[in-house]
Amino acid sequence: MTRTDVTFLSGPLKLAGHLYIPDSYKEGQKLPAIIGVHPAGGVKEQTTGTYCKELADHGFITLAFDRRYQGESEGTPRQYEQAFGFGEDVKSAVTFLSLQPQVDASRIGVLGICAGGGYALFAASSDPRIKAVGTVSAACYGSLLRTLPKADLDAILVQAGEARIEYAKTGEVKYLPIVPNIEDITEDSPNLMAEGSEYYNTPRGSHPRSISRTAIWAYDELLLFDAFAFIDQIAPRPILLVAGSKADTLVYSQKAYNQAGEPKELYLVEGSTHVDLYDRHLQKAAPKLIEFFKEKL
């Protein structure tokens, strides 16, 4: 495939992406296209780009992009997990692809990974231009946050308010990690955190622009965010939820499946964990996604 560096606007912010064109493309064709939405704290060069390249090898035009405040895209402060704004970024990516001469604008799908799966479903709930949605290890960041004990949540919200005031006064941003550092992993660490740390903090998946943290005040927004609140609005457009049978986050794909209308499918990759599907078990997940998008777009 051929990769082109592209930019497009989401509101006033310029977002950076990689547009992949299949080697099989012939001048004058209009092909189906798929937008890749990366995990929290991630960038387009990691798992999302891996999936976009795989899909491009099978005849799709694909776009992996950095959401606002992330990677090479604009927005300050940096590393700010602004859930509601990310939905707008996905919709802006749809607009961008719709204007590309190689793309059939009536056949645009979205593939979201981890929290990106939640943002993909959130955007598709109110954007009928998205004709099919696939997710890998989908998670709703807001739902995950709401599993914390109330005392812990209250403490974070107090810190978030204080951080907003500090930023207004000094320009200094207070951050919380999305995954812990390798040295902070213990035997008691949840498997998801240990796996995530190993992916993001080692040569396996690390990238200099992927710092895996968020401005702390993102949490007072994330607390109110529900990626699946309006998922039933996607029907009759199809949804495929790919999840590992051993994934800590399987419960979120199950929740999305239960709340979604038809047609929908929950596809379990036996023996896979959440982060296995980022890269190590790509070839277990990719054929199902390719089949889905070829049939539905």
C-alpha atoms as a PDB file:
ATOM      1  CA  MET A   1       0.000   0.000   0.000  1.00  0.00           C
ATOM      2  CA  THR A   2       0.976   3.663  -0.304  1.00  0.00           C
ATOM      3  CA  ARG A   3       0.990   5.879   2.779  1.00  0.00           C
ATOM      4  CA  THR A   4       0.408   9.619   2.539  1.00  0.00           C
ATOM      5  CA  ASP A   5       0.694  12.042   5.440  1.00  0.00           C
ATOM      6  CA  VAL A   6      -2.478  14.134   5.593  1.00  0.00           C
ATOM      7  CA  THR A   7      -4.093  16.795   7.760  1.00  0.00           C
ATOM      8  CA  PHE A   8      -7.720  17.839   8.195  1.00  0.00           C
ATOM      9  CA  LEU A   9      -9.689  20.144  10.444  1.00  0.00           C
ATOM     10  CA  SER A  10     -11.832  19.160  13.394  1.00  0.00           C
ATOM     11  CA  GLY A  11     -13.369  22.449  14.433  1.00  0.00           C
ATOM     12  CA  PRO A  12     -10.445  24.874  14.702  1.00  0.00           C
ATOM     13  CA  LEU A  13      -7.864  22.119  15.280  1.00  0.00           C
ATOM     14  CA  LYS A  14      -5.696  20.539  12.595  1.00  0.00           C
ATOM     15  CA  LEU A  15      -5.484  16.769  12.974  1.00  0.00           C
ATOM     16  CA  ALA A  16      -2.699  14.638  11.531  1.00  0.00           C
ATOM     17  CA  GLY A  17      -3.253  11.298   9.841  1.00  0.00           C
ATOM     18  CA  HIS A  18      -1.824   8.578   7.633  1.00  0.00           C
ATOM     19  CA  LEU A  19      -3.911   7.774   4.560  1.00  0.00           C
ATOM     20  CA  TYR A  20      -3.301   4.287   3.167  1.00  0.00           C
ATOM     21  CA  ILE A  21      -4.156   3.486  -0.471  1.00  0.00           C
ATOM     22  CA  PRO A  22      -4.105  -0.184  -1.595  1.00  0.00           C
ATOM     23  CA  ASP A  23      -1.544  -1.181  -4.202  1.00  0.00           C
ATOM     24  CA  SER A  24      -4.470  -2.630  -6.154  1.00  0.00           C
ATOM     25  CA  TYR A  25      -6.070   0.804  -6.571  1.00  0.00           C
ATOM     26  CA  LYS A  26      -6.652   1.855 -10.170  1.00  0.00           C
ATOM     27  CA  GLU A  27      -7.092   5.438 -11.343  1.00  0.00           C
ATOM     28  CA  GLY A  28     -10.729   6.487 -11.313  1.00  0.00           C
ATOM     29  CA  GLN A  29     -11.875   3.871  -8.809  1.00  0.00           C
ATOM     30  CA  LYS A  30     -13.893   4.784  -5.740  1.00  0.00           C
ATOM     31  CA  LEU A  31     -13.205   2.338  -2.926  1.00  0.00           C
ATOM     32  CA  PRO A  32     -14.746   1.736   0.498  1.00  0.00           C
ATOM     33  CA  ALA A  33     -12.831   3.420   3.312  1.00  0.00           C
ATOM     34  CA  ILE A  34     -12.266   2.737   7.015  1.00  0.00           C
ATOM     35  CA  ILE A  35     -11.234   5.152   9.774  1.00  0.00           C
ATOM     36  CA  GLY A  36      -9.002   3.801  12.546  1.00  0.00           C
ATOM     37  CA  VAL A  37      -9.559   5.225  16.050  1.00  0.00           C
ATOM     38  CA  HIS A  38      -6.681   4.673  18.476  1.00  0.00           C
ATOM     39  CA  PRO A  39      -6.728   3.687  22.164  1.00  0.00           C
ATOM     40  CA  ALA A  40      -6.499   6.168  25.034  1.00  0.00           C
ATOM     41  CA  GLY A  41      -2.997   7.604  25.201  1.00  0.00           C
ATOM     42  CA  GLY A  42      -2.101   6.047  21.873  1.00  0.00           C
ATOM     43  CA  VAL A  43      -1.097   7.426  18.490  1.00  0.00           C
ATOM     44  CA  LYS A  44      -1.696   6.461  14.874  1.00  0.00           C
ATOM     45  CA  GLU A  45       1.681   4.722  14.551  1.00  0.00           C
ATOM     46  CA  GLN A  46       0.745   1.988  17.032  1.00  0.00           C
ATOM     47  CA  THR A  47      -1.996  -0.671  16.891  1.00  0.00           C
ATOM     48  CA  THR A  48      -4.404   1.484  14.874  1.00  0.00           C
ATOM     49  CA  GLY A  49      -1.857   1.932  12.114  1.00  0.00           C
ATOM     50  CA  THR A  50      -1.147  -1.805  12.188  1.00  0.00           C
ATOM     51  CA  TYR A  51      -4.809  -2.613  11.552  1.00  0.00           C
ATOM     52  CA  CYS A  52      -5.163   0.133   8.933  1.00  0.00           C
ATOM     53  CA  LYS A  53      -2.230  -1.266   6.973  1.00  0.00           C
ATOM     54  CA  GLU A  54      -3.682  -4.775   7.153  1.00  0.00           C
ATOM     55  CA  LEU A  55      -7.065  -3.570   5.896  1.00  0.00           C
ATOM     56  CA  ALA A  56      -5.419  -1.561   3.108  1.00  0.00           C
ATOM     57  CA  ASP A  57      -3.660  -4.732   1.980  1.00  0.00           C
ATOM     58  CA  HIS A  58      -7.135  -6.187   1.437  1.00  0.00           C
ATOM     59  CA  GLY A  59      -8.519  -3.431  -0.758  1.00  0.00           C
ATOM     60  CA  PHE A  60      -9.739  -0.728   1.606  1.00  0.00           C
ATOM     61  CA  ILE A  61      -8.619   2.871   1.770  1.00  0.00           C
ATOM     62  CA  THR A  62      -7.838   3.484   5.436  1.00  0.00           C
ATOM     63  CA  LEU A  63      -7.108   6.483   7.629  1.00  0.00           C
ATOM     64  CA  ALA A  64      -5.257   6.278  10.932  1.00  0.00           C
ATOM     65  CA  PHE A  65      -5.198   9.636  12.690  1.00  0.00           C
ATOM     66  CA  ASP A  66      -4.184  11.253  15.967  1.00  0.00           C
ATOM     67  CA  ARG A  67      -7.103  12.636  17.946  1.00  0.00           C
ATOM     68  CA  ARG A  68      -6.991  16.206  19.247  1.00  0.00           C
ATOM     69  CA  TYR A  69      -4.324  16.869  21.902  1.00  0.00           C
ATOM     70  CA  GLN A  70      -2.527  13.651  20.881  1.00  0.00           C
ATOM     71  CA  GLY A  71       0.448  12.758  18.705  1.00  0.00           C
ATOM     72  CA  GLU A  72       1.024  15.151  15.801  1.00  0.00           C
ATOM     73  CA  SER A  73      -2.440  16.711  15.981  1.00  0.00           C
ATOM     74  CA  GLU A  74      -3.066  20.178  17.357  1.00  0.00           C
ATOM     75  CA  GLY A  75      -4.577  21.113  20.699  1.00  0.00           C
ATOM     76  CA  THR A  76      -3.335  22.269  24.054  1.00  0.00           C
ATOM     77  CA  PRO A  77      -2.812  21.157  26.686  1.00  0.00           C
ATOM     78  CA  ARG A  78      -1.173  18.036  25.338  1.00  0.00           C
ATOM     79  CA  GLN A  79      -2.366  14.541  26.305  1.00  0.00           C
ATOM     80  CA  TYR A  80      -5.893  15.600  27.241  1.00  0.00           C
ATOM     81  CA  GLU A  81      -8.412  12.746  26.945  1.00  0.00           C
ATOM     82  CA  GLN A  82     -11.392  14.858  25.882  1.00  0.00           C
ATOM     83  CA  ALA A  83     -13.984  12.171  25.234  1.00  0.00           C
ATOM     84  CA  PHE A  84     -16.786  14.296  23.810  1.00  0.00           C
ATOM     85  CA  GLY A  85     -14.377  16.148  21.501  1.00  0.00           C
ATOM     86  CA  PHE A  86     -13.036  12.831  20.215  1.00  0.00           C
ATOM     87  CA  GLY A  87     -16.462  12.004  18.822  1.00  0.00           C
ATOM     88  CA  GLU A  88     -16.254  15.193  16.779  1.00  0.00           C
ATOM     89  CA  ASP A  89     -12.799  14.147  15.548  1.00  0.00           C
ATOM     90  CA  VAL A  90     -14.199  10.877  14.201  1.00  0.00           C
ATOM     91  CA  LYS A  91     -16.961  12.762  12.382  1.00  0.00           C
ATOM     92  CA  SER A  92     -14.405  15.178  10.939  1.00  0.00           C
ATOM     93  CA  ALA A  93     -12.425  12.203   9.659  1.00  0.00           C
ATOM     94  CA  VAL A  94     -15.581  10.991   7.887  1.00  0.00           C
ATOM     95  CA  THR A  95     -15.917  14.405   6.223  1.00  0.00           C
ATOM     96  CA  PHE A  96     -12.276  14.329   5.158  1.00  0.00           C
ATOM     97  CA  LEU A  97     -12.577  10.883   3.587  1.00  0.00           C
ATOM     98  CA  SER A  98     -15.840  11.820   1.884  1.00  0.00           C
ATOM     99  CA  LEU A  99     -13.968  14.518  -0.038  1.00  0.00           C
ATOM    100  CA  GLN A 100     -11.179  12.233  -1.277  1.00  0.00           C
ATOM    101  CA  PRO A 101     -11.529  11.346  -4.986  1.00  0.00           C
ATOM    102  CA  GLN A 102     -10.527   7.704  -4.378  1.00  0.00           C
ATOM    103  CA  VAL A 103     -13.250   7.148  -1.747  1.00  0.00           C
ATOM    104  CA  ASP A 104     -16.844   6.045  -2.198  1.00  0.00           C
ATOM    105  CA  ALA A 105     -18.467   8.326   0.395  1.00  0.00           C
ATOM    106  CA  SER A 106     -21.457   5.979   0.673  1.00  0.00           C
ATOM    107  CA  ARG A 107     -19.170   3.199   1.977  1.00  0.00           C
ATOM    108  CA  ILE A 108     -17.264   4.572   4.962  1.00  0.00           C
ATOM    109  CA  GLY A 109     -16.768   2.497   8.108  1.00  0.00           C
ATOM    110  CA  VAL A 110     -14.977   2.962  11.406  1.00  0.00           C
ATOM    111  CA  LEU A 111     -12.701   0.622  13.349  1.00  0.00           C
ATOM    112  CA  GLY A 112     -11.981   1.566  16.962  1.00  0.00           C
ATOM    113  CA  ILE A 113      -9.552  -0.119  19.346  1.00  0.00           C
ATOM    114  CA  CYS A 114      -9.872  -0.093  23.160  1.00  0.00           C
ATOM    115  CA  ALA A 115     -11.227   3.326  24.200  1.00  0.00           C
ATOM    116  CA  GLY A 116     -11.165   4.145  20.489  1.00  0.00           C
ATOM    117  CA  GLY A 117     -13.843   1.480  20.095  1.00  0.00           C
ATOM    118  CA  GLY A 118     -16.000   3.408  22.523  1.00  0.00           C
ATOM    119  CA  TYR A 119     -15.395   6.666  20.671  1.00  0.00           C
ATOM    120  CA  ALA A 120     -16.167   4.971  17.331  1.00  0.00           C
ATOM    121  CA  LEU A 121     -19.525   3.716  18.615  1.00  0.00           C
ATOM    122  CA  PHE A 122     -20.273   7.087  20.215  1.00  0.00           C
ATOM    123  CA  ALA A 123     -19.655   8.935  16.939  1.00  0.00           C
ATOM    124  CA  ALA A 124     -21.597   6.419  14.845  1.00  0.00           C
ATOM    125  CA  SER A 125     -24.608   6.734  17.173  1.00  0.00           C
ATOM    126  CA  SER A 126     -25.371  10.154  15.687  1.00  0.00           C
ATOM    127  CA  ASP A 127     -23.618  10.043  12.302  1.00  0.00           C
ATOM    128  CA  PRO A 128     -25.422   7.960   9.658  1.00  0.00           C
ATOM    129  CA  ARG A 129     -22.577   8.581   7.212  1.00  0.00           C
ATOM    130  CA  ILE A 130     -20.764   5.813   9.132  1.00  0.00           C
ATOM    131  CA  LYS A 131     -22.152   2.693   7.454  1.00  0.00           C
ATOM    132  CA  ALA A 132     -20.492  -0.010   9.579  1.00  0.00           C
ATOM    133  CA  VAL A 133     -18.643  -0.109  12.904  1.00  0.00           C
ATOM    134  CA  GLY A 134     -15.999  -2.601  13.977  1.00  0.00           C
ATOM    135  CA  THR A 135     -14.263  -2.621  17.335  1.00  0.00           C
ATOM    136  CA  VAL A 136     -11.325  -4.501  18.835  1.00  0.00           C
ATOM    137  CA  SER A 137     -11.109  -4.825  22.641  1.00  0.00           C
ATOM    138  CA  ALA A 138     -13.706  -2.051  22.921  1.00  0.00           C
ATOM    139  CA  ALA A 139     -13.925  -0.138  26.202  1.00  0.00           C
ATOM    140  CA  CYS A 140     -15.878   2.811  27.518  1.00  0.00           C
ATOM    141  CA  TYR A 141     -13.485   5.019  29.467  1.00  0.00           C
ATOM    142  CA  GLY A 142     -16.365   6.584  31.405  1.00  0.00           C
ATOM    143  CA  SER A 143     -17.807   3.218  32.438  1.00  0.00           C
ATOM    144  CA  LEU A 144     -14.349   2.069  33.496  1.00  0.00           C
ATOM    145  CA  LEU A 145     -13.894   5.163  35.632  1.00  0.00           C
ATOM    146  CA  ARG A 146     -17.290   4.685  37.262  1.00  0.00           C
ATOM    147  CA  THR A 147     -16.181   1.309  38.632  1.00  0.00           C
ATOM    148  CA  LEU A 148     -13.895   3.107  41.103  1.00  0.00           C
ATOM    149  CA  PRO A 149     -15.061   3.456  44.719  1.00  0.00           C
ATOM    150  CA  LYS A 150     -16.900   6.728  45.306  1.00  0.00           C
ATOM    151  CA  ALA A 151     -14.260   7.940  47.748  1.00  0.00           C
ATOM    152  CA  ASP A 152     -11.567   7.520  45.075  1.00  0.00           C
ATOM    153  CA  LEU A 153     -13.717   9.248  42.475  1.00  0.00           C
ATOM    154  CA  ASP A 154     -14.438  12.142  44.823  1.00  0.00           C
ATOM    155  CA  ALA A 155     -10.718  12.584  45.467  1.00  0.00           C
ATOM    156  CA  ILE A 156      -9.965  12.650  41.736  1.00  0.00           C
ATOM    157  CA  LEU A 157     -12.693  15.226  41.113  1.00  0.00           C
ATOM    158  CA  VAL A 158     -11.266  17.478  43.829  1.00  0.00           C
ATOM    159  CA  GLN A 159      -7.831  17.190  42.222  1.00  0.00           C
ATOM    160  CA  ALA A 160      -9.342  17.893  38.794  1.00  0.00           C
ATOM    161  CA  GLY A 161     -10.899  21.129  40.005  1.00  0.00           C
ATOM    162  CA  GLU A 162      -7.660  22.223  41.651  1.00  0.00           C
ATOM    163  CA  ALA A 163      -5.747  21.376  38.460  1.00  0.00           C
ATOM    164  CA  ARG A 164      -8.064  23.540  36.374  1.00  0.00           C
ATOM    165  CA  ILE A 165      -7.348  26.517  38.633  1.00  0.00           C
ATOM    166  CA  GLU A 166      -3.609  25.830  38.590  1.00  0.00           C
ATOM    167  CA  TYR A 167      -3.584  25.682  34.788  1.00  0.00           C
ATOM    168  CA  ALA A 168      -5.481  28.987  34.560  1.00  0.00           C
ATOM    169  CA  LYS A 169      -3.016  30.644  36.925  1.00  0.00           C
ATOM    170  CA  THR A 170       0.289  29.199  35.746  1.00  0.00           C
ATOM    171  CA  GLY A 171      -0.200  27.212  32.541  1.00  0.00           C
ATOM    172  CA  GLU A 172       1.088  24.119  34.336  1.00  0.00           C
ATOM    173  CA  VAL A 173      -0.800  20.879  33.608  1.00  0.00           C
ATOM    174  CA  LYS A 174      -1.268  18.167  36.211  1.00  0.00           C
ATOM    175  CA  TYR A 175      -1.380  14.670  34.740  1.00  0.00           C
ATOM    176  CA  LEU A 176      -2.469  11.177  35.714  1.00  0.00           C
ATOM    177  CA  PRO A 177      -1.025   8.093  33.978  1.00  0.00           C
ATOM    178  CA  ILE A 178      -3.297   5.996  31.778  1.00  0.00           C
ATOM    179  CA  VAL A 179      -1.080   2.940  32.267  1.00  0.00           C
ATOM    180  CA  PRO A 180       1.591   2.692  34.982  1.00  0.00           C
ATOM    181  CA  ASN A 181       5.310   2.623  34.390  1.00  0.00           C
ATOM    182  CA  ILE A 182       6.946  -0.795  34.157  1.00  0.00           C
ATOM    183  CA  GLU A 183       8.681  -0.327  37.522  1.00  0.00           C
ATOM    184  CA  ASP A 184       5.337   0.332  39.202  1.00  0.00           C
ATOM    185  CA  ILE A 185       3.811  -2.998  38.148  1.00  0.00           C
ATOM    186  CA  THR A 186       3.447  -5.500  40.998  1.00  0.00           C
ATOM    187  CA  GLU A 187       1.934  -8.959  41.411  1.00  0.00           C
ATOM    188  CA  ASP A 188      -1.257  -7.242  42.556  1.00  0.00           C
ATOM    189  CA  SER A 189      -1.568  -5.004  39.472  1.00  0.00           C
ATOM    190  CA  PRO A 190      -4.646  -5.716  37.322  1.00  0.00           C
ATOM    191  CA  ASN A 191      -3.749  -7.721  34.236  1.00  0.00           C
ATOM    192  CA  LEU A 192      -4.979  -4.944  31.942  1.00  0.00           C
ATOM    193  CA  MET A 193      -2.610  -2.426  33.539  1.00  0.00           C
ATOM    194  CA  ALA A 194       0.334  -4.830  33.442  1.00  0.00           C
ATOM    195  CA  GLU A 195      -0.341  -5.689  29.793  1.00  0.00           C
ATOM    196  CA  GLY A 196      -0.810  -2.068  28.828  1.00  0.00           C
ATOM    197  CA  SER A 197       2.383  -1.022  30.530  1.00  0.00           C
ATOM    198  CA  GLU A 198       4.336  -3.759  28.766  1.00  0.00           C
ATOM    199  CA  TYR A 199       2.947  -2.651  25.394  1.00  0.00           C
ATOM    200  CA  TYR A 200       3.335   1.107  25.745  1.00  0.00           C
ATOM    201  CA  ASN A 201       6.616   1.169  27.675  1.00  0.00           C
ATOM    202  CA  THR A 202       8.740  -1.336  25.745  1.00  0.00           C
ATOM    203  CA  PRO A 203       9.949  -1.543  22.143  1.00  0.00           C
ATOM    204  CA  ARG A 204       6.938  -3.753  21.411  1.00  0.00           C
ATOM    205  CA  GLY A 205       4.585  -0.779  21.111  1.00  0.00           C
ATOM    206  CA  SER A 206       6.249   2.346  22.466  1.00  0.00           C
ATOM    207  CA  HIS A 207       6.336   5.562  20.464  1.00  0.00           C
ATOM    208  CA  PRO A 208       7.900   8.881  21.481  1.00  0.00           C
ATOM    209  CA  ARG A 209       4.602  10.730  20.972  1.00  0.00           C
ATOM    210  CA  SER A 210       2.595   8.188  22.981  1.00  0.00           C
ATOM    211  CA  ILE A 211       3.065   9.279  26.593  1.00  0.00           C
ATOM    212  CA  SER A 212       0.010   7.412  27.960  1.00  0.00           C
ATOM    213  CA  ARG A 213      -1.188  10.061  30.379  1.00  0.00           C
ATOM    214  CA  THR A 214      -4.016  12.572  30.526  1.00  0.00           C
ATOM    215  CA  ALA A 215      -4.573  15.991  32.011  1.00  0.00           C
ATOM    216  CA  ILE A 216      -6.246  15.192  35.314  1.00  0.00           C
ATOM    217  CA  TRP A 217      -9.313  17.330  34.662  1.00  0.00           C
ATOM    218  CA  ALA A 218     -10.294  15.013  31.825  1.00  0.00           C
ATOM    219  CA  TYR A 219     -11.705  12.794  34.546  1.00  0.00           C
ATOM    220  CA  ASP A 220     -14.500  15.189  35.496  1.00  0.00           C
ATOM    221  CA  GLU A 221     -15.673  14.919  31.868  1.00  0.00           C
ATOM    222  CA  LEU A 222     -15.032  11.194  31.518  1.00  0.00           C
ATOM    223  CA  LEU A 223     -17.170  10.540  34.572  1.00  0.00           C
ATOM    224  CA  LEU A 224     -20.175  11.715  32.525  1.00  0.00           C
ATOM    225  CA  PHE A 225     -19.208   9.972  29.287  1.00  0.00           C
ATOM    226  CA  ASP A 226     -21.069   6.835  28.185  1.00  0.00           C
ATOM    227  CA  ALA A 227     -19.922   5.488  24.834  1.00  0.00           C
ATOM    228  CA  PHE A 228     -22.914   3.146  24.601  1.00  0.00           C
ATOM    229  CA  ALA A 229     -25.716   5.469  25.754  1.00  0.00           C
ATOM    230  CA  PHE A 230     -27.201   5.829  22.262  1.00  0.00           C
ATOM    231  CA  ILE A 231     -25.720   2.764  20.583  1.00  0.00           C
ATOM    232  CA  ASP A 232     -29.207   1.548  19.639  1.00  0.00           C
ATOM    233  CA  GLN A 233     -29.373   4.485  17.194  1.00  0.00           C
ATOM    234  CA  ILE A 234     -26.754   2.800  14.998  1.00  0.00           C
ATOM    235  CA  ALA A 235     -29.211   0.135  13.837  1.00  0.00           C
ATOM    236  CA  PRO A 236     -29.856  -0.948  11.142  1.00  0.00           C
ATOM    237  CA  ARG A 237     -26.226  -0.225  10.368  1.00  0.00           C
ATOM    238  CA  PRO A 238     -24.100  -3.264  11.357  1.00  0.00           C
ATOM    239  CA  ILE A 239     -21.750  -3.595  14.332  1.00  0.00           C
ATOM    240  CA  LEU A 240     -18.956  -6.152  14.868  1.00  0.00           C
ATOM    241  CA  LEU A 241     -17.390  -6.344  18.339  1.00  0.00           C
ATOM    242  CA  VAL A 242     -14.142  -8.340  18.433  1.00  0.00           C
ATOM    243  CA  ALA A 243     -12.862  -9.217  21.891  1.00  0.00           C
ATOM    244  CA  GLY A 244     -10.483 -11.672  23.518  1.00  0.00           C
ATOM    245  CA  SER A 245     -12.029 -14.467  25.552  1.00  0.00           C
ATOM    246  CA  LYS A 246      -9.510 -13.716  28.331  1.00  0.00           C
ATOM    247  CA  ALA A 247      -9.766  -9.903  28.119  1.00  0.00           C
ATOM    248  CA  ASP A 248     -10.442  -7.949  31.316  1.00  0.00           C
ATOM    249  CA  THR A 249     -12.526  -5.634  29.141  1.00  0.00           C
ATOM    250  CA  LEU A 250     -14.745  -8.305  27.595  1.00  0.00           C
ATOM    251  CA  VAL A 251     -17.563  -7.019  29.792  1.00  0.00           C
ATOM    252  CA  TYR A 252     -17.640  -3.777  27.759  1.00  0.00           C
ATOM    253  CA  SER A 253     -18.027  -5.552  24.424  1.00  0.00           C
ATOM    254  CA  GLN A 254     -20.777  -7.636  26.011  1.00  0.00           C
ATOM    255  CA  LYS A 255     -22.486  -4.500  27.309  1.00  0.00           C
ATOM    256  CA  ALA A 256     -22.266  -2.831  23.886  1.00  0.00           C
ATOM    257  CA  TYR A 257     -23.682  -5.964  22.264  1.00  0.00           C
ATOM    258  CA  ASN A 258     -26.583  -6.151  24.699  1.00  0.00           C
ATOM    259  CA  GLN A 259     -27.528  -2.498  24.172  1.00  0.00           C
ATOM    260  CA  ALA A 260     -27.091  -2.398  20.387  1.00  0.00           C
ATOM    261  CA  GLY A 261     -29.808  -3.088  17.844  1.00  0.00           C
ATOM    262  CA  GLU A 262     -29.559  -5.588  15.005  1.00  0.00           C
ATOM    263  CA  PRO A 263     -27.544  -6.449  13.011  1.00  0.00           C
ATOM    264  CA  LYS A 264     -24.724  -7.043  15.487  1.00  0.00           C
ATOM    265  CA  GLU A 265     -22.133  -9.685  16.305  1.00  0.00           C
ATOM    266  CA  LEU A 266     -19.843 -10.330  19.259  1.00  0.00           C
ATOM    267  CA  TYR A 267     -16.852 -12.319  17.998  1.00  0.00           C
ATOM    268  CA  LEU A 268     -14.607 -13.888  20.635  1.00  0.00           C
ATOM    269  CA  VAL A 269     -10.972 -14.634  19.872  1.00  0.00           C
ATOM    270  CA  GLU A 270     -10.266 -17.660  22.046  1.00  0.00           C
ATOM    271  CA  GLY A 271      -7.268 -17.366  24.339  1.00  0.00           C
ATOM    272  CA  SER A 272      -6.652 -13.675  23.611  1.00  0.00           C
ATOM    273  CA  THR A 273      -6.357 -10.931  26.189  1.00  0.00           C
ATOM    274  CA  HIS A 274      -7.178  -7.249  25.673  1.00  0.00           C
ATOM    275  CA  VAL A 275      -3.692  -6.204  24.543  1.00  0.00           C
ATOM    276  CA  ASP A 276      -2.953  -9.441  22.648  1.00  0.00           C
ATOM    277  CA  LEU A 277      -5.334  -8.095  20.005  1.00  0.00           C
ATOM    278  CA  TYR A 278      -3.259  -4.930  19.583  1.00  0.00           C
ATOM    279  CA  ASP A 279      -0.539  -6.842  17.739  1.00  0.00           C
ATOM    280  CA  ARG A 280       0.324 -10.401  18.809  1.00  0.00           C
ATOM    281  CA  HIS A 281      -3.039 -11.865  17.793  1.00  0.00           C
ATOM    282  CA  LEU A 282      -3.693  -9.517  14.871  1.00  0.00           C
ATOM    283  CA  GLN A 283      -3.989 -12.432  12.474  1.00  0.00           C
ATOM    284  CA  LYS A 284      -6.691 -13.985  14.656  1.00  0.00           C
ATOM    285  CA  ALA A 285      -8.816 -10.822  14.565  1.00  0.00           C
ATOM    286  CA  ALA A 286      -8.060  -9.279  11.172  1.00  0.00           C
ATOM    287  CA  PRO A 287      -9.694 -11.935   8.939  1.00  0.00           C
ATOM    288  CA  LYS A 288     -13.021 -11.481  10.740  1.00  0.00           C
ATOM    289  CA  LEU A 289     -12.836  -7.692  10.376  1.00  0.00           C
ATOM    290  CA  ILE A 290     -11.897  -7.948   6.702  1.00  0.00           C
ATOM    291  CA  GLU A 291     -14.832 -10.303   6.074  1.00  0.00           C
ATOM    292  CA  PHE A 292     -17.178  -7.963   7.963  1.00  0.00           C
ATOM    293  CA  PHE A 293     -16.183  -4.785   6.155  1.00  0.00           C
ATOM    294  CA  LYS A 294     -16.133  -6.483   2.729  1.00  0.00           C
ATOM    295  CA  GLU A 295     -19.688  -7.673   3.273  1.00  0.00           C
ATOM    296  CA  LYS A 296     -21.104  -4.534   4.914  1.00  0.00           C
ATOM    297  CA  LEU A 297     -19.437  -1.685   2.993  1.00  0.00           C
END
